[in-house]
Amino acid sequence: MRVASAIEDKLTAAFQPVRLAITDESHKHHGHAGSRPEGESHFHVEIVSEAFSGKSRLERQRMAYAALQDELATDIHALALKILTPDEDTGR
């Protein structure tokens, strides 16, 4: 899983998350625009990090998009984000 690994590496390096879950949802989009036969085009990411404290939802998303800018330009067609601070994380 080349793209998922790149997402994990980049988000870990940028935010040192206490929890990071990456789900490849490409199979749900088979035949849709941006879908590739090999998958790894549609992802759902949950990330919990102190780095997001004091940031608005929009600021958090911009931070994640900046960390993944290369993958978003080439490999990722869709990215759903759930970005929380440790205090907001009820999924522990």
N, C-alpha and C. Protein backbone atom coordinates (compact mmCIF):
# COMPACT_ATOMS: atom_id res chain seq x y z
N MET A 1 0.84 -1.18 0.00
CA MET A 1 0.00 0.00 0.00
C MET A 1 0.88 1.24 0.00
N ARG A 2 1.36 1.59 -1.14
CA ARG A 2 2.30 2.69 -1.30
C ARG A 2 1.73 4.03 -0.86
N VAL A 3 0.52 4.36 -1.30
CA VAL A 3 -0.06 5.67 -0.97
C VAL A 3 -0.41 5.74 0.51
N ALA A 4 -1.01 4.69 1.04
CA ALA A 4 -1.36 4.67 2.47
C ALA A 4 -0.10 4.81 3.33
N SER A 5 0.98 4.18 2.92
CA SER A 5 2.24 4.30 3.66
C SER A 5 2.78 5.73 3.62
N ALA A 6 2.66 6.37 2.47
CA ALA A 6 3.11 7.76 2.35
C ALA A 6 2.26 8.67 3.23
N ILE A 7 0.96 8.44 3.27
CA ILE A 7 0.08 9.22 4.14
C ILE A 7 0.51 9.04 5.59
N GLU A 8 0.70 7.81 6.00
CA GLU A 8 1.10 7.52 7.38
C GLU A 8 2.44 8.19 7.72
N ASP A 9 3.41 8.04 6.85
CA ASP A 9 4.74 8.61 7.10
C ASP A 9 4.68 10.13 7.22
N LYS A 10 3.98 10.77 6.30
CA LYS A 10 3.96 12.23 6.28
C LYS A 10 3.17 12.81 7.44
N LEU A 11 2.02 12.22 7.76
CA LEU A 11 1.23 12.73 8.87
C LEU A 11 1.92 12.47 10.21
N THR A 12 2.59 11.35 10.32
CA THR A 12 3.33 11.05 11.54
C THR A 12 4.48 12.04 11.73
N ALA A 13 5.22 12.30 10.67
CA ALA A 13 6.34 13.24 10.75
C ALA A 13 5.86 14.66 11.06
N ALA A 14 4.75 15.06 10.47
CA ALA A 14 4.28 16.43 10.63
C ALA A 14 3.60 16.68 11.97
N PHE A 15 2.89 15.67 12.51
CA PHE A 15 2.02 15.92 13.66
C PHE A 15 2.26 15.03 14.88
N GLN A 16 3.14 14.04 14.81
CA GLN A 16 3.38 13.12 15.92
C GLN A 16 2.06 12.72 16.60
N PRO A 17 1.17 12.10 15.86
CA PRO A 17 -0.16 11.80 16.41
C PRO A 17 -0.13 10.78 17.53
N VAL A 18 -1.09 10.91 18.44
CA VAL A 18 -1.29 9.89 19.46
C VAL A 18 -2.16 8.76 18.92
N ARG A 19 -2.91 9.07 17.86
CA ARG A 19 -3.69 8.05 17.16
C ARG A 19 -3.81 8.46 15.71
N LEU A 20 -3.61 7.48 14.82
CA LEU A 20 -3.72 7.70 13.39
C LEU A 20 -4.32 6.45 12.77
N ALA A 21 -5.46 6.62 12.11
CA ALA A 21 -6.12 5.50 11.43
C ALA A 21 -6.36 5.90 9.98
N ILE A 22 -5.86 5.09 9.08
CA ILE A 22 -6.00 5.36 7.65
C ILE A 22 -6.77 4.20 7.03
N THR A 23 -7.88 4.52 6.38
CA THR A 23 -8.71 3.50 5.75
C THR A 23 -8.78 3.76 4.25
N ASP A 24 -8.39 2.77 3.47
CA ASP A 24 -8.51 2.86 2.02
C ASP A 24 -9.94 2.50 1.65
N GLU A 25 -10.70 3.47 1.19
CA GLU A 25 -12.10 3.27 0.83
C GLU A 25 -12.29 3.21 -0.68
N SER A 26 -11.23 2.96 -1.41
CA SER A 26 -11.28 2.96 -2.87
C SER A 26 -12.28 1.95 -3.42
N HIS A 27 -12.41 0.81 -2.74
CA HIS A 27 -13.33 -0.22 -3.22
C HIS A 27 -14.78 0.27 -3.26
N LYS A 28 -15.12 1.25 -2.45
CA LYS A 28 -16.47 1.81 -2.44
C LYS A 28 -16.73 2.70 -3.65
N HIS A 29 -15.69 3.05 -4.37
CA HIS A 29 -15.80 4.01 -5.47
C HIS A 29 -15.43 3.40 -6.82
N HIS A 30 -15.40 2.09 -6.87
CA HIS A 30 -15.05 1.39 -8.11
C HIS A 30 -15.95 1.88 -9.25
N GLY A 31 -15.33 2.29 -10.34
CA GLY A 31 -16.06 2.77 -11.51
C GLY A 31 -16.39 4.25 -11.48
N HIS A 32 -16.14 4.92 -10.37
CA HIS A 32 -16.41 6.35 -10.26
C HIS A 32 -15.20 7.15 -10.74
N ALA A 33 -15.40 8.42 -10.94
CA ALA A 33 -14.31 9.31 -11.36
C ALA A 33 -13.17 9.24 -10.34
N GLY A 34 -11.97 9.15 -10.83
CA GLY A 34 -10.78 9.13 -9.97
C GLY A 34 -10.43 7.76 -9.43
N SER A 35 -11.29 6.79 -9.67
CA SER A 35 -11.01 5.43 -9.19
C SER A 35 -9.99 4.77 -10.10
N ARG A 36 -9.06 4.04 -9.48
CA ARG A 36 -8.06 3.31 -10.25
C ARG A 36 -8.21 1.82 -9.94
N PRO A 37 -7.95 0.96 -10.90
CA PRO A 37 -8.09 -0.48 -10.67
C PRO A 37 -7.25 -0.99 -9.49
N GLU A 38 -6.09 -0.40 -9.28
CA GLU A 38 -5.22 -0.83 -8.18
C GLU A 38 -5.62 -0.23 -6.84
N GLY A 39 -6.62 0.62 -6.83
CA GLY A 39 -7.08 1.23 -5.58
C GLY A 39 -6.20 2.37 -5.13
N GLU A 40 -6.21 2.62 -3.83
CA GLU A 40 -5.42 3.68 -3.20
C GLU A 40 -5.68 5.05 -3.83
N SER A 41 -6.95 5.38 -3.98
CA SER A 41 -7.31 6.70 -4.51
C SER A 41 -8.26 7.45 -3.59
N HIS A 42 -8.99 6.73 -2.74
CA HIS A 42 -9.99 7.31 -1.84
C HIS A 42 -9.67 6.86 -0.40
N PHE A 43 -9.47 7.84 0.49
CA PHE A 43 -9.06 7.51 1.85
C PHE A 43 -9.89 8.24 2.89
N HIS A 44 -10.02 7.60 4.04
CA HIS A 44 -10.58 8.23 5.23
C HIS A 44 -9.48 8.20 6.28
N VAL A 45 -9.18 9.36 6.86
CA VAL A 45 -8.09 9.48 7.83
C VAL A 45 -8.64 10.08 9.12
N GLU A 46 -8.35 9.41 10.23
CA GLU A 46 -8.61 9.96 11.56
C GLU A 46 -7.25 10.19 12.21
N ILE A 47 -7.04 11.42 12.65
CA ILE A 47 -5.77 11.75 13.27
C ILE A 47 -6.03 12.55 14.54
N VAL A 48 -5.32 12.18 15.58
CA VAL A 48 -5.43 12.85 16.88
C VAL A 48 -4.04 13.32 17.26
N SER A 49 -3.91 14.63 17.46
CA SER A 49 -2.60 15.19 17.78
C SER A 49 -2.75 16.49 18.56
N GLU A 50 -1.83 16.70 19.45
CA GLU A 50 -1.78 17.95 20.20
C GLU A 50 -1.48 19.13 19.25
N ALA A 51 -0.90 18.85 18.10
CA ALA A 51 -0.56 19.91 17.13
C ALA A 51 -1.78 20.68 16.66
N PHE A 52 -2.98 20.11 16.83
CA PHE A 52 -4.21 20.76 16.38
C PHE A 52 -4.89 21.59 17.46
N SER A 53 -4.33 21.61 18.64
CA SER A 53 -4.91 22.40 19.74
C SER A 53 -4.94 23.87 19.37
N GLY A 54 -6.08 24.49 19.65
CA GLY A 54 -6.24 25.91 19.38
C GLY A 54 -6.48 26.26 17.92
N LYS A 55 -6.59 25.26 17.07
CA LYS A 55 -6.80 25.49 15.64
C LYS A 55 -8.26 25.23 15.29
N SER A 56 -8.77 26.00 14.34
CA SER A 56 -10.14 25.77 13.85
C SER A 56 -10.15 24.54 12.96
N ARG A 57 -11.33 24.07 12.65
CA ARG A 57 -11.48 22.91 11.76
C ARG A 57 -10.82 23.17 10.41
N LEU A 58 -11.02 24.36 9.88
CA LEU A 58 -10.43 24.72 8.60
C LEU A 58 -8.91 24.77 8.67
N GLU A 59 -8.37 25.34 9.74
CA GLU A 59 -6.91 25.39 9.91
C GLU A 59 -6.33 23.97 9.99
N ARG A 60 -7.00 23.09 10.70
CA ARG A 60 -6.54 21.71 10.83
C ARG A 60 -6.51 21.02 9.47
N GLN A 61 -7.58 21.20 8.69
CA GLN A 61 -7.62 20.58 7.37
C GLN A 61 -6.53 21.13 6.47
N ARG A 62 -6.31 22.42 6.52
CA ARG A 62 -5.24 23.02 5.72
C ARG A 62 -3.88 22.46 6.10
N MET A 63 -3.67 22.23 7.39
CA MET A 63 -2.41 21.65 7.86
C MET A 63 -2.22 20.25 7.29
N ALA A 64 -3.26 19.44 7.32
CA ALA A 64 -3.18 18.08 6.79
C ALA A 64 -2.98 18.10 5.28
N TYR A 65 -3.72 18.96 4.58
CA TYR A 65 -3.57 19.06 3.13
C TYR A 65 -2.15 19.49 2.76
N ALA A 66 -1.58 20.41 3.52
CA ALA A 66 -0.21 20.85 3.25
C ALA A 66 0.77 19.70 3.41
N ALA A 67 0.57 18.88 4.44
CA ALA A 67 1.47 17.75 4.67
C ALA A 67 1.37 16.71 3.55
N LEU A 68 0.19 16.63 2.93
CA LEU A 68 -0.05 15.61 1.89
C LEU A 68 -0.15 16.21 0.49
N GLN A 69 0.40 17.40 0.29
CA GLN A 69 0.21 18.10 -0.98
C GLN A 69 0.69 17.30 -2.20
N ASP A 70 1.78 16.58 -2.09
CA ASP A 70 2.28 15.81 -3.24
C ASP A 70 1.32 14.68 -3.60
N GLU A 71 0.84 13.96 -2.59
CA GLU A 71 -0.09 12.84 -2.83
C GLU A 71 -1.44 13.34 -3.35
N LEU A 72 -1.88 14.49 -2.85
CA LEU A 72 -3.15 15.05 -3.32
C LEU A 72 -3.04 15.49 -4.79
N ALA A 73 -1.86 15.90 -5.21
CA ALA A 73 -1.66 16.34 -6.59
C ALA A 73 -1.55 15.16 -7.56
N THR A 74 -1.20 13.98 -7.04
CA THR A 74 -0.93 12.86 -7.95
C THR A 74 -1.78 11.62 -7.71
N ASP A 75 -1.88 11.17 -6.47
CA ASP A 75 -2.46 9.86 -6.19
C ASP A 75 -3.82 9.87 -5.51
N ILE A 76 -4.07 10.82 -4.64
CA ILE A 76 -5.31 10.82 -3.86
C ILE A 76 -6.38 11.59 -4.62
N HIS A 77 -7.49 10.90 -4.87
CA HIS A 77 -8.63 11.55 -5.53
C HIS A 77 -9.59 12.13 -4.50
N ALA A 78 -9.78 11.42 -3.38
CA ALA A 78 -10.69 11.88 -2.34
C ALA A 78 -10.07 11.59 -0.97
N LEU A 79 -10.22 12.56 -0.07
CA LEU A 79 -9.65 12.43 1.26
C LEU A 79 -10.66 12.97 2.27
N ALA A 80 -11.18 12.08 3.11
CA ALA A 80 -12.07 12.47 4.20
C ALA A 80 -11.24 12.54 5.47
N LEU A 81 -11.34 13.63 6.18
CA LEU A 81 -10.51 13.85 7.36
C LEU A 81 -11.35 14.01 8.62
N LYS A 82 -10.92 13.37 9.68
CA LYS A 82 -11.44 13.61 11.03
C LYS A 82 -10.22 13.95 11.86
N ILE A 83 -10.11 15.22 12.24
CA ILE A 83 -8.92 15.73 12.90
C ILE A 83 -9.29 16.23 14.28
N LEU A 84 -8.67 15.66 15.30
CA LEU A 84 -9.00 15.97 16.69
C LEU A 84 -7.76 16.22 17.53
N THR A 85 -7.99 16.90 18.65
CA THR A 85 -6.95 16.99 19.67
C THR A 85 -7.16 15.81 20.63
N PRO A 86 -6.18 15.50 21.46
CA PRO A 86 -6.38 14.40 22.41
C PRO A 86 -7.58 14.62 23.33
N ASP A 87 -7.85 15.86 23.73
CA ASP A 87 -8.99 16.16 24.59
C ASP A 87 -10.33 15.91 23.89
N GLU A 88 -10.37 16.03 22.58
CA GLU A 88 -11.59 15.84 21.80
C GLU A 88 -11.82 14.38 21.41
N ASP A 89 -10.82 13.57 21.54
CA ASP A 89 -10.87 12.19 21.06
C ASP A 89 -11.69 11.30 21.98
N THR A 90 -12.84 10.89 21.51
CA THR A 90 -13.68 9.97 22.27
C THR A 90 -13.50 8.55 21.79
N GLY A 91 -12.70 8.33 20.75
CA GLY A 91 -12.48 7.01 20.17
C GLY A 91 -11.28 6.30 20.75
N ARG A 92 -10.80 6.75 21.89
CA ARG A 92 -9.60 6.17 22.50
C ARG A 92 -9.79 4.74 22.87
